[in-house]
Structure formats: C-alpha cells, structure tokens
All heavy atoms as atom14 arrays in JSON, in Angstrom:
{
  "sequence": "SAWFQYLKQPVGVAPDASEMVALSKSVDAAGAKLAERGGQAMAEGS",
  "atom14_mask": [
    [1, 1, 1, 1, 1, 1, 0, 0, 0, 0, 0, 0, 0, 0],
    [1, 1, 1, 1, 1, 0, 0, 0, 0, 0, 0, 0, 0, 0],
    [1, 1, 1, 1, 1, 1, 1, 1, 1, 1, 1, 1, 1, 1],
    [1, 1, 1, 1, 1, 1, 1, 1, 1, 1, 1, 0, 0, 0],
    [1, 1, 1, 1, 1, 1, 1, 1, 1, 0, 0, 0, 0, 0],
    [1, 1, 1, 1, 1, 1, 1, 1, 1, 1, 1, 1, 0, 0],
    [1, 1, 1, 1, 1, 1, 1, 1, 0, 0, 0, 0, 0, 0],
    [1, 1, 1, 1, 1, 1, 1, 1, 1, 0, 0, 0, 0, 0],
    [1, 1, 1, 1, 1, 1, 1, 1, 1, 0, 0, 0, 0, 0],
    [1, 1, 1, 1, 1, 1, 1, 0, 0, 0, 0, 0, 0, 0],
    [1, 1, 1, 1, 1, 1, 1, 0, 0, 0, 0, 0, 0, 0],
    [1, 1, 1, 1, 0, 0, 0, 0, 0, 0, 0, 0, 0, 0],
    [1, 1, 1, 1, 1, 1, 1, 0, 0, 0, 0, 0, 0, 0],
    [1, 1, 1, 1, 1, 0, 0, 0, 0, 0, 0, 0, 0, 0],
    [1, 1, 1, 1, 1, 1, 1, 0, 0, 0, 0, 0, 0, 0],
    [1, 1, 1, 1, 1, 1, 1, 1, 0, 0, 0, 0, 0, 0],
    [1, 1, 1, 1, 1, 0, 0, 0, 0, 0, 0, 0, 0, 0],
    [1, 1, 1, 1, 1, 1, 0, 0, 0, 0, 0, 0, 0, 0],
    [1, 1, 1, 1, 1, 1, 1, 1, 1, 0, 0, 0, 0, 0],
    [1, 1, 1, 1, 1, 1, 1, 1, 0, 0, 0, 0, 0, 0],
    [1, 1, 1, 1, 1, 1, 1, 0, 0, 0, 0, 0, 0, 0],
    [1, 1, 1, 1, 1, 0, 0, 0, 0, 0, 0, 0, 0, 0],
    [1, 1, 1, 1, 1, 1, 1, 1, 0, 0, 0, 0, 0, 0],
    [1, 1, 1, 1, 1, 1, 0, 0, 0, 0, 0, 0, 0, 0],
    [1, 1, 1, 1, 1, 1, 1, 1, 1, 0, 0, 0, 0, 0],
    [1, 1, 1, 1, 1, 1, 0, 0, 0, 0, 0, 0, 0, 0],
    [1, 1, 1, 1, 1, 1, 1, 0, 0, 0, 0, 0, 0, 0],
    [1, 1, 1, 1, 1, 1, 1, 1, 0, 0, 0, 0, 0, 0],
    [1, 1, 1, 1, 1, 0, 0, 0, 0, 0, 0, 0, 0, 0],
    [1, 1, 1, 1, 1, 0, 0, 0, 0, 0, 0, 0, 0, 0],
    [1, 1, 1, 1, 0, 0, 0, 0, 0, 0, 0, 0, 0, 0],
    [1, 1, 1, 1, 1, 0, 0, 0, 0, 0, 0, 0, 0, 0],
    [1, 1, 1, 1, 1, 1, 1, 1, 1, 0, 0, 0, 0, 0],
    [1, 1, 1, 1, 1, 1, 1, 1, 0, 0, 0, 0, 0, 0],
    [1, 1, 1, 1, 1, 0, 0, 0, 0, 0, 0, 0, 0, 0],
    [1, 1, 1, 1, 1, 1, 1, 1, 1, 0, 0, 0, 0, 0],
    [1, 1, 1, 1, 1, 1, 1, 1, 1, 1, 1, 0, 0, 0],
    [1, 1, 1, 1, 0, 0, 0, 0, 0, 0, 0, 0, 0, 0],
    [1, 1, 1, 1, 0, 0, 0, 0, 0, 0, 0, 0, 0, 0],
    [1, 1, 1, 1, 1, 1, 1, 1, 1, 0, 0, 0, 0, 0],
    [1, 1, 1, 1, 1, 0, 0, 0, 0, 0, 0, 0, 0, 0],
    [1, 1, 1, 1, 1, 1, 1, 1, 0, 0, 0, 0, 0, 0],
    [1, 1, 1, 1, 1, 0, 0, 0, 0, 0, 0, 0, 0, 0],
    [1, 1, 1, 1, 1, 1, 1, 1, 1, 0, 0, 0, 0, 0],
    [1, 1, 1, 1, 0, 0, 0, 0, 0, 0, 0, 0, 0, 0],
    [1, 1, 1, 1, 1, 1, 0, 0, 0, 0, 0, 0, 0, 0]
  ],
  "atom14_positions": [
    [[18.3, 24.79, -87.24], [18.78, 24.72, -88.62], [20.29, 24.78, -88.59], [20.87, 25.44, -87.74], [18.21, 25.9, -89.44], [18.55, 25.78, -90.8], [0.0, 0.0, 0.0], [0.0, 0.0, 0.0], [0.0, 0.0, 0.0], [0.0, 0.0, 0.0], [0.0, 0.0, 0.0], [0.0, 0.0, 0.0], [0.0, 0.0, 0.0], [0.0, 0.0, 0.0]],
    [[20.93, 24.05, -89.49], [22.39, 24.01, -89.5], [22.89, 23.9, -90.93], [22.18, 23.43, -91.82], [22.9, 22.83, -88.67], [0.0, 0.0, 0.0], [0.0, 0.0, 0.0], [0.0, 0.0, 0.0], [0.0, 0.0, 0.0], [0.0, 0.0, 0.0], [0.0, 0.0, 0.0], [0.0, 0.0, 0.0], [0.0, 0.0, 0.0], [0.0, 0.0, 0.0]],
    [[24.11, 24.32, -91.15], [24.71, 24.24, -92.47], [24.84, 22.79, -92.9], [25.32, 21.94, -92.15], [26.08, 24.91, -92.47], [26.79, 24.81, -93.79], [27.86, 24.03, -94.09], [26.46, 25.51, -94.99], [28.23, 24.19, -95.4], [27.38, 25.09, -95.99], [25.48, 26.45, -95.32], [27.35, 25.58, -97.29], [25.44, 26.93, -96.63], [26.37, 26.51, -97.59]],
    [[24.38, 22.51, -94.1], [24.47, 21.16, -94.66], [25.55, 21.15, -95.74], [25.5, 21.96, -96.66], [23.1, 20.77, -95.25], [23.05, 19.38, -95.81], [23.24, 18.27, -95.0], [22.78, 19.17, -97.16], [23.19, 16.98, -95.52], [22.71, 17.89, -97.68], [22.91, 16.8, -96.87], [0.0, 0.0, 0.0], [0.0, 0.0, 0.0], [0.0, 0.0, 0.0]],
    [[26.53, 20.29, -95.59], [27.7, 20.31, -96.47], [27.37, 19.75, -97.84], [26.92, 18.61, -97.98], [28.82, 19.47, -95.84], [30.13, 19.52, -96.59], [30.81, 20.88, -96.49], [30.84, 21.48, -95.42], [31.36, 21.35, -97.58], [0.0, 0.0, 0.0], [0.0, 0.0, 0.0], [0.0, 0.0, 0.0], [0.0, 0.0, 0.0], [0.0, 0.0, 0.0]],
    [[27.58, 20.57, -98.87], [27.34, 20.15, -100.25], [28.65, 19.9, -100.99], [29.71, 20.39, -100.61], [26.55, 21.23, -101.01], [25.24, 21.6, -100.38], [24.94, 22.94, -100.1], [24.3, 20.64, -100.04], [23.73, 23.3, -99.52], [23.09, 20.98, -99.45], [22.81, 22.31, -99.19], [21.62, 22.67, -98.61], [0.0, 0.0, 0.0], [0.0, 0.0, 0.0]],
    [[28.55, 19.14, -102.07], [29.69, 18.94, -102.94], [29.95, 20.22, -103.75], [29.06, 21.03, -103.96], [29.42, 17.79, -103.91], [29.19, 16.41, -103.3], [28.72, 15.43, -104.38], [30.45, 15.89, -102.63], [0.0, 0.0, 0.0], [0.0, 0.0, 0.0], [0.0, 0.0, 0.0], [0.0, 0.0, 0.0], [0.0, 0.0, 0.0], [0.0, 0.0, 0.0]],
    [[31.17, 20.36, -104.22], [31.48, 21.49, -105.09], [30.84, 21.26, -106.47], [30.65, 20.13, -106.91], [32.99, 21.65, -105.24], [33.69, 22.11, -103.97], [35.18, 22.3, -104.2], [35.87, 22.79, -102.94], [37.34, 22.97, -103.16], [0.0, 0.0, 0.0], [0.0, 0.0, 0.0], [0.0, 0.0, 0.0], [0.0, 0.0, 0.0], [0.0, 0.0, 0.0]],
    [[30.51, 22.35, -107.14], [29.95, 22.28, -108.48], [30.98, 21.62, -109.41], [32.14, 22.03, -109.45], [29.64, 23.69, -108.99], [28.91, 23.72, -110.32], [27.41, 23.64, -110.14], [26.92, 23.45, -109.03], [26.67, 23.8, -111.22], [0.0, 0.0, 0.0], [0.0, 0.0, 0.0], [0.0, 0.0, 0.0], [0.0, 0.0, 0.0], [0.0, 0.0, 0.0]],
    [[30.58, 20.57, -110.16], [31.54, 19.95, -111.09], [32.03, 20.96, -112.13], [31.29, 21.86, -112.53], [30.7, 18.84, -111.76], [29.58, 18.56, -110.81], [29.28, 19.88, -110.16], [0.0, 0.0, 0.0], [0.0, 0.0, 0.0], [0.0, 0.0, 0.0], [0.0, 0.0, 0.0], [0.0, 0.0, 0.0], [0.0, 0.0, 0.0], [0.0, 0.0, 0.0]],
    [[33.24, 20.79, -112.58], [33.81, 21.69, -113.58], [34.37, 20.91, -114.77], [35.01, 21.48, -115.65], [34.92, 22.58, -112.98], [34.36, 23.54, -111.95], [36.03, 21.72, -112.35], [0.0, 0.0, 0.0], [0.0, 0.0, 0.0], [0.0, 0.0, 0.0], [0.0, 0.0, 0.0], [0.0, 0.0, 0.0], [0.0, 0.0, 0.0], [0.0, 0.0, 0.0]],
    [[34.13, 19.6, -114.81], [34.69, 18.77, -115.86], [33.9, 18.8, -117.15], [32.91, 19.53, -117.29], [0.0, 0.0, 0.0], [0.0, 0.0, 0.0], [0.0, 0.0, 0.0], [0.0, 0.0, 0.0], [0.0, 0.0, 0.0], [0.0, 0.0, 0.0], [0.0, 0.0, 0.0], [0.0, 0.0, 0.0], [0.0, 0.0, 0.0], [0.0, 0.0, 0.0]],
    [[34.32, 17.99, -118.08], [33.63, 17.82, -119.35], [32.83, 16.53, -119.27], [33.35, 15.48, -118.91], [34.63, 17.75, -120.53], [33.9, 17.49, -121.83], [35.45, 19.03, -120.6], [0.0, 0.0, 0.0], [0.0, 0.0, 0.0], [0.0, 0.0, 0.0], [0.0, 0.0, 0.0], [0.0, 0.0, 0.0], [0.0, 0.0, 0.0], [0.0, 0.0, 0.0]],
    [[31.54, 16.62, -119.6], [30.65, 15.46, -119.5], [30.02, 15.18, -120.85], [29.98, 16.05, -121.73], [29.56, 15.74, -118.46], [0.0, 0.0, 0.0], [0.0, 0.0, 0.0], [0.0, 0.0, 0.0], [0.0, 0.0, 0.0], [0.0, 0.0, 0.0], [0.0, 0.0, 0.0], [0.0, 0.0, 0.0], [0.0, 0.0, 0.0], [0.0, 0.0, 0.0]],
    [[29.5, 13.97, -121.04], [28.82, 13.65, -122.3], [27.6, 14.54, -122.52], [27.05, 15.11, -121.57], [28.39, 12.19, -122.09], [29.23, 11.67, -120.99], [29.52, 12.84, -120.11], [0.0, 0.0, 0.0], [0.0, 0.0, 0.0], [0.0, 0.0, 0.0], [0.0, 0.0, 0.0], [0.0, 0.0, 0.0], [0.0, 0.0, 0.0], [0.0, 0.0, 0.0]],
    [[27.18, 14.63, -123.76], [25.97, 15.38, -124.09], [24.78, 14.77, -123.36], [24.59, 13.55, -123.36], [25.73, 15.34, -125.59], [24.43, 16.04, -125.97], [24.37, 17.27, -125.86], [23.48, 15.33, -126.35], [0.0, 0.0, 0.0], [0.0, 0.0, 0.0], [0.0, 0.0, 0.0], [0.0, 0.0, 0.0], [0.0, 0.0, 0.0], [0.0, 0.0, 0.0]],
    [[23.99, 15.62, -122.71], [22.86, 15.14, -121.91], [21.52, 15.62, -122.46], [20.51, 15.56, -121.78], [23.02, 15.6, -120.46], [0.0, 0.0, 0.0], [0.0, 0.0, 0.0], [0.0, 0.0, 0.0], [0.0, 0.0, 0.0], [0.0, 0.0, 0.0], [0.0, 0.0, 0.0], [0.0, 0.0, 0.0], [0.0, 0.0, 0.0], [0.0, 0.0, 0.0]],
    [[21.51, 16.07, -123.71], [20.29, 16.66, -124.26], [19.13, 15.66, -124.3], [17.98, 16.03, -124.06], [20.55, 17.21, -125.66], [21.07, 16.21, -126.52], [0.0, 0.0, 0.0], [0.0, 0.0, 0.0], [0.0, 0.0, 0.0], [0.0, 0.0, 0.0], [0.0, 0.0, 0.0], [0.0, 0.0, 0.0], [0.0, 0.0, 0.0], [0.0, 0.0, 0.0]],
    [[19.42, 14.4, -124.57], [18.35, 13.4, -124.61], [17.79, 13.16, -123.21], [16.59, 13.0, -123.02], [18.87, 12.09, -125.21], [17.76, 11.1, -125.53], [18.24, 9.89, -126.31], [19.45, 9.8, -126.61], [17.4, 9.03, -126.63], [0.0, 0.0, 0.0], [0.0, 0.0, 0.0], [0.0, 0.0, 0.0], [0.0, 0.0, 0.0], [0.0, 0.0, 0.0]],
    [[18.67, 13.15, -122.22], [18.22, 12.98, -120.84], [17.32, 14.14, -120.42], [16.26, 13.94, -119.83], [19.43, 12.91, -119.89], [20.38, 11.78, -120.13], [21.75, 11.81, -118.92], [22.98, 10.86, -119.81], [0.0, 0.0, 0.0], [0.0, 0.0, 0.0], [0.0, 0.0, 0.0], [0.0, 0.0, 0.0], [0.0, 0.0, 0.0], [0.0, 0.0, 0.0]],
    [[17.76, 15.35, -120.72], [16.98, 16.53, -120.37], [15.63, 16.52, -121.06], [14.6, 16.84, -120.47], [17.77, 17.81, -120.71], [16.9, 19.05, -120.52], [19.02, 17.91, -119.84], [0.0, 0.0, 0.0], [0.0, 0.0, 0.0], [0.0, 0.0, 0.0], [0.0, 0.0, 0.0], [0.0, 0.0, 0.0], [0.0, 0.0, 0.0], [0.0, 0.0, 0.0]],
    [[15.62, 16.11, -122.34], [14.37, 16.07, -123.08], [13.39, 15.06, -122.48], [12.18, 15.32, -122.37], [14.65, 15.71, -124.54], [0.0, 0.0, 0.0], [0.0, 0.0, 0.0], [0.0, 0.0, 0.0], [0.0, 0.0, 0.0], [0.0, 0.0, 0.0], [0.0, 0.0, 0.0], [0.0, 0.0, 0.0], [0.0, 0.0, 0.0], [0.0, 0.0, 0.0]],
    [[13.9, 13.91, -122.06], [13.04, 12.91, -121.42], [12.44, 13.45, -120.13], [11.24, 13.3, -119.87], [13.85, 11.64, -121.12], [14.09, 10.69, -122.29], [15.15, 9.66, -121.91], [12.8, 10.0, -122.71], [0.0, 0.0, 0.0], [0.0, 0.0, 0.0], [0.0, 0.0, 0.0], [0.0, 0.0, 0.0], [0.0, 0.0, 0.0], [0.0, 0.0, 0.0]],
    [[13.28, 14.08, -119.3], [12.8, 14.63, -118.04], [11.75, 15.71, -118.28], [10.7, 15.75, -117.63], [13.98, 15.2, -117.25], [13.55, 15.77, -116.04], [0.0, 0.0, 0.0], [0.0, 0.0, 0.0], [0.0, 0.0, 0.0], [0.0, 0.0, 0.0], [0.0, 0.0, 0.0], [0.0, 0.0, 0.0], [0.0, 0.0, 0.0], [0.0, 0.0, 0.0]],
    [[12.03, 16.6, -119.24], [11.08, 17.68, -119.52], [9.78, 17.16, -120.1], [8.72, 17.77, -119.9], [11.73, 18.69, -120.47], [12.78, 19.56, -119.8], [13.28, 20.65, -120.74], [14.22, 21.61, -120.02], [14.7, 22.68, -120.91], [0.0, 0.0, 0.0], [0.0, 0.0, 0.0], [0.0, 0.0, 0.0], [0.0, 0.0, 0.0], [0.0, 0.0, 0.0]],
    [[9.83, 16.04, -120.83], [8.6, 15.49, -121.39], [7.65, 15.03, -120.28], [6.43, 15.19, -120.38], [8.91, 14.33, -122.34], [9.38, 13.18, -121.64], [0.0, 0.0, 0.0], [0.0, 0.0, 0.0], [0.0, 0.0, 0.0], [0.0, 0.0, 0.0], [0.0, 0.0, 0.0], [0.0, 0.0, 0.0], [0.0, 0.0, 0.0], [0.0, 0.0, 0.0]],
    [[8.22, 14.48, -119.21], [7.39, 14.07, -118.08], [6.82, 15.29, -117.38], [5.65, 15.33, -117.0], [8.21, 13.2, -117.1], [7.37, 12.86, -115.86], [8.66, 11.92, -117.77], [0.0, 0.0, 0.0], [0.0, 0.0, 0.0], [0.0, 0.0, 0.0], [0.0, 0.0, 0.0], [0.0, 0.0, 0.0], [0.0, 0.0, 0.0], [0.0, 0.0, 0.0]],
    [[7.63, 16.33, -117.23], [7.16, 17.58, -116.62], [5.99, 18.15, -117.42], [4.97, 18.56, -116.86], [8.27, 18.61, -116.59], [9.34, 18.3, -115.56], [9.15, 17.36, -114.79], [10.36, 19.01, -115.54], [0.0, 0.0, 0.0], [0.0, 0.0, 0.0], [0.0, 0.0, 0.0], [0.0, 0.0, 0.0], [0.0, 0.0, 0.0], [0.0, 0.0, 0.0]],
    [[6.14, 18.18, -118.74], [5.1, 18.76, -119.59], [3.81, 17.95, -119.52], [2.7, 18.51, -119.45], [5.59, 18.83, -121.04], [0.0, 0.0, 0.0], [0.0, 0.0, 0.0], [0.0, 0.0, 0.0], [0.0, 0.0, 0.0], [0.0, 0.0, 0.0], [0.0, 0.0, 0.0], [0.0, 0.0, 0.0], [0.0, 0.0, 0.0], [0.0, 0.0, 0.0]],
    [[3.93, 16.63, -119.49], [2.74, 15.78, -119.39], [2.07, 15.98, -118.03], [0.83, 15.99, -117.93], [3.13, 14.31, -119.58], [0.0, 0.0, 0.0], [0.0, 0.0, 0.0], [0.0, 0.0, 0.0], [0.0, 0.0, 0.0], [0.0, 0.0, 0.0], [0.0, 0.0, 0.0], [0.0, 0.0, 0.0], [0.0, 0.0, 0.0], [0.0, 0.0, 0.0]],
    [[2.87, 16.14, -116.98], [2.29, 16.4, -115.66], [1.56, 17.72, -115.61], [0.5, 17.84, -115.0], [0.0, 0.0, 0.0], [0.0, 0.0, 0.0], [0.0, 0.0, 0.0], [0.0, 0.0, 0.0], [0.0, 0.0, 0.0], [0.0, 0.0, 0.0], [0.0, 0.0, 0.0], [0.0, 0.0, 0.0], [0.0, 0.0, 0.0], [0.0, 0.0, 0.0]],
    [[2.13, 18.74, -116.27], [1.48, 20.05, -116.3], [0.14, 19.98, -117.03], [-0.84, 20.6, -116.61], [2.4, 21.06, -116.97], [0.0, 0.0, 0.0], [0.0, 0.0, 0.0], [0.0, 0.0, 0.0], [0.0, 0.0, 0.0], [0.0, 0.0, 0.0], [0.0, 0.0, 0.0], [0.0, 0.0, 0.0], [0.0, 0.0, 0.0], [0.0, 0.0, 0.0]],
    [[0.09, 19.22, -118.11], [-1.17, 19.07, -118.85], [-2.23, 18.36, -118.01], [-3.4, 18.71, -118.02], [-0.93, 18.3, -120.15], [-0.21, 19.1, -121.22], [-0.06, 18.3, -122.51], [0.64, 19.12, -123.58], [0.8, 18.35, -124.84], [0.0, 0.0, 0.0], [0.0, 0.0, 0.0], [0.0, 0.0, 0.0], [0.0, 0.0, 0.0], [0.0, 0.0, 0.0]],
    [[-1.78, 17.35, -117.26], [-2.72, 16.65, -116.38], [-3.23, 17.59, -115.3], [-4.42, 17.57, -114.96], [-2.04, 15.43, -115.75], [-2.9, 14.58, -114.82], [-4.09, 13.98, -115.57], [-2.07, 13.46, -114.2], [0.0, 0.0, 0.0], [0.0, 0.0, 0.0], [0.0, 0.0, 0.0], [0.0, 0.0, 0.0], [0.0, 0.0, 0.0], [0.0, 0.0, 0.0]],
    [[-2.36, 18.44, -114.78], [-2.77, 19.39, -113.75], [-3.82, 20.35, -114.28], [-4.76, 20.73, -113.57], [-1.55, 20.17, -113.24], [0.0, 0.0, 0.0], [0.0, 0.0, 0.0], [0.0, 0.0, 0.0], [0.0, 0.0, 0.0], [0.0, 0.0, 0.0], [0.0, 0.0, 0.0], [0.0, 0.0, 0.0], [0.0, 0.0, 0.0], [0.0, 0.0, 0.0]],
    [[-3.67, 20.74, -115.54], [-4.63, 21.67, -116.14], [-6.02, 21.05, -116.24], [-7.03, 21.76, -116.2], [-4.15, 22.09, -117.52], [-2.93, 23.0, -117.5], [-2.36, 23.25, -118.88], [-2.96, 22.72, -119.85], [-1.35, 23.95, -119.0], [0.0, 0.0, 0.0], [0.0, 0.0, 0.0], [0.0, 0.0, 0.0], [0.0, 0.0, 0.0], [0.0, 0.0, 0.0]],
    [[-6.08, 19.74, -116.37], [-7.38, 19.07, -116.49], [-8.13, 19.12, -115.17], [-9.36, 19.21, -115.14], [-7.19, 17.62, -116.94], [-6.66, 17.49, -118.35], [-6.26, 16.06, -118.65], [-7.4, 15.15, -118.58], [-7.3, 13.82, -118.66], [-6.08, 13.27, -118.79], [-8.36, 13.06, -118.6], [0.0, 0.0, 0.0], [0.0, 0.0, 0.0], [0.0, 0.0, 0.0]],
    [[-7.4, 19.03, -114.06], [-8.01, 19.14, -112.74], [-8.96, 18.0, -112.43], [-9.09, 17.02, -113.16], [0.0, 0.0, 0.0], [0.0, 0.0, 0.0], [0.0, 0.0, 0.0], [0.0, 0.0, 0.0], [0.0, 0.0, 0.0], [0.0, 0.0, 0.0], [0.0, 0.0, 0.0], [0.0, 0.0, 0.0], [0.0, 0.0, 0.0], [0.0, 0.0, 0.0]],
    [[-9.66, 18.14, -111.31], [-10.73, 17.24, -110.91], [-10.34, 15.78, -110.81], [-9.21, 15.42, -110.47], [0.0, 0.0, 0.0], [0.0, 0.0, 0.0], [0.0, 0.0, 0.0], [0.0, 0.0, 0.0], [0.0, 0.0, 0.0], [0.0, 0.0, 0.0], [0.0, 0.0, 0.0], [0.0, 0.0, 0.0], [0.0, 0.0, 0.0], [0.0, 0.0, 0.0]],
    [[-11.28, 14.91, -111.12], [-11.1, 13.48, -110.94], [-10.0, 12.92, -111.84], [-9.23, 12.05, -111.43], [-12.42, 12.74, -111.23], [-12.33, 11.25, -110.96], [-13.69, 10.58, -111.08], [-14.7, 11.24, -111.28], [-13.7, 9.26, -110.96], [0.0, 0.0, 0.0], [0.0, 0.0, 0.0], [0.0, 0.0, 0.0], [0.0, 0.0, 0.0], [0.0, 0.0, 0.0]],
    [[-9.9, 13.45, -113.08], [-8.86, 12.97, -113.99], [-7.48, 13.19, -113.4], [-6.59, 12.33, -113.48], [-8.99, 13.67, -115.34], [0.0, 0.0, 0.0], [0.0, 0.0, 0.0], [0.0, 0.0, 0.0], [0.0, 0.0, 0.0], [0.0, 0.0, 0.0], [0.0, 0.0, 0.0], [0.0, 0.0, 0.0], [0.0, 0.0, 0.0], [0.0, 0.0, 0.0]],
    [[-7.27, 14.35, -112.8], [-5.98, 14.66, -112.2], [-5.73, 13.78, -110.98], [-4.62, 13.25, -110.8], [-5.93, 16.13, -111.82], [-4.63, 16.55, -111.17], [-4.57, 18.35, -110.93], [-6.06, 18.62, -109.98], [0.0, 0.0, 0.0], [0.0, 0.0, 0.0], [0.0, 0.0, 0.0], [0.0, 0.0, 0.0], [0.0, 0.0, 0.0], [0.0, 0.0, 0.0]],
    [[-6.72, 13.64, -110.14], [-6.55, 12.85, -108.92], [-6.22, 11.4, -109.25], [-5.34, 10.79, -108.64], [-7.82, 12.92, -108.07], [0.0, 0.0, 0.0], [0.0, 0.0, 0.0], [0.0, 0.0, 0.0], [0.0, 0.0, 0.0], [0.0, 0.0, 0.0], [0.0, 0.0, 0.0], [0.0, 0.0, 0.0], [0.0, 0.0, 0.0], [0.0, 0.0, 0.0]],
    [[-6.92, 10.84, -110.23], [-6.68, 9.44, -110.59], [-5.36, 9.28, -111.34], [-4.61, 8.33, -111.11], [-7.84, 8.93, -111.43], [-9.15, 8.82, -110.65], [-10.3, 8.31, -111.5], [-10.11, 8.18, -112.74], [-11.38, 8.06, -110.94], [0.0, 0.0, 0.0], [0.0, 0.0, 0.0], [0.0, 0.0, 0.0], [0.0, 0.0, 0.0], [0.0, 0.0, 0.0]],
    [[-5.06, 10.21, -112.26], [-3.85, 10.1, -113.05], [-2.58, 10.26, -112.26], [-1.53, 9.74, -112.62], [0.0, 0.0, 0.0], [0.0, 0.0, 0.0], [0.0, 0.0, 0.0], [0.0, 0.0, 0.0], [0.0, 0.0, 0.0], [0.0, 0.0, 0.0], [0.0, 0.0, 0.0], [0.0, 0.0, 0.0], [0.0, 0.0, 0.0], [0.0, 0.0, 0.0]],
    [[-2.64, 10.98, -111.15], [-1.45, 11.25, -110.35], [-1.13, 10.15, -109.35], [-0.11, 10.2, -108.67], [-1.59, 12.58, -109.61], [-2.68, 12.54, -108.71], [0.0, 0.0, 0.0], [0.0, 0.0, 0.0], [0.0, 0.0, 0.0], [0.0, 0.0, 0.0], [0.0, 0.0, 0.0], [0.0, 0.0, 0.0], [0.0, 0.0, 0.0], [0.0, 0.0, 0.0]]
  ]
}
C-alpha cells in the first residue's frame, strides 16, 4: 500500500448544484426501493 496523491479541496465559488444533487439522490432512492423488493425483481432490475 502506498500514499496516493490527491488534489487539494477546492475553495472557490461554484454554481448552485442543487438540481444535480437532487438528480443523483433520486437514483439512489430508486435503487434503495428496488433493493427492498429483493428476489427476482431486484436481480432483473439491477
């Protein structure tokens, strides 16, 4: 194992990303609901 060089955390001002975050979270939430169904529905849907 060795140290992997990362970029520094940005400190600038960026555009509002609330819509992007909402889109990403919507996919997460739908995936969680599919996981709750389990079984064949989950296997096929994934």
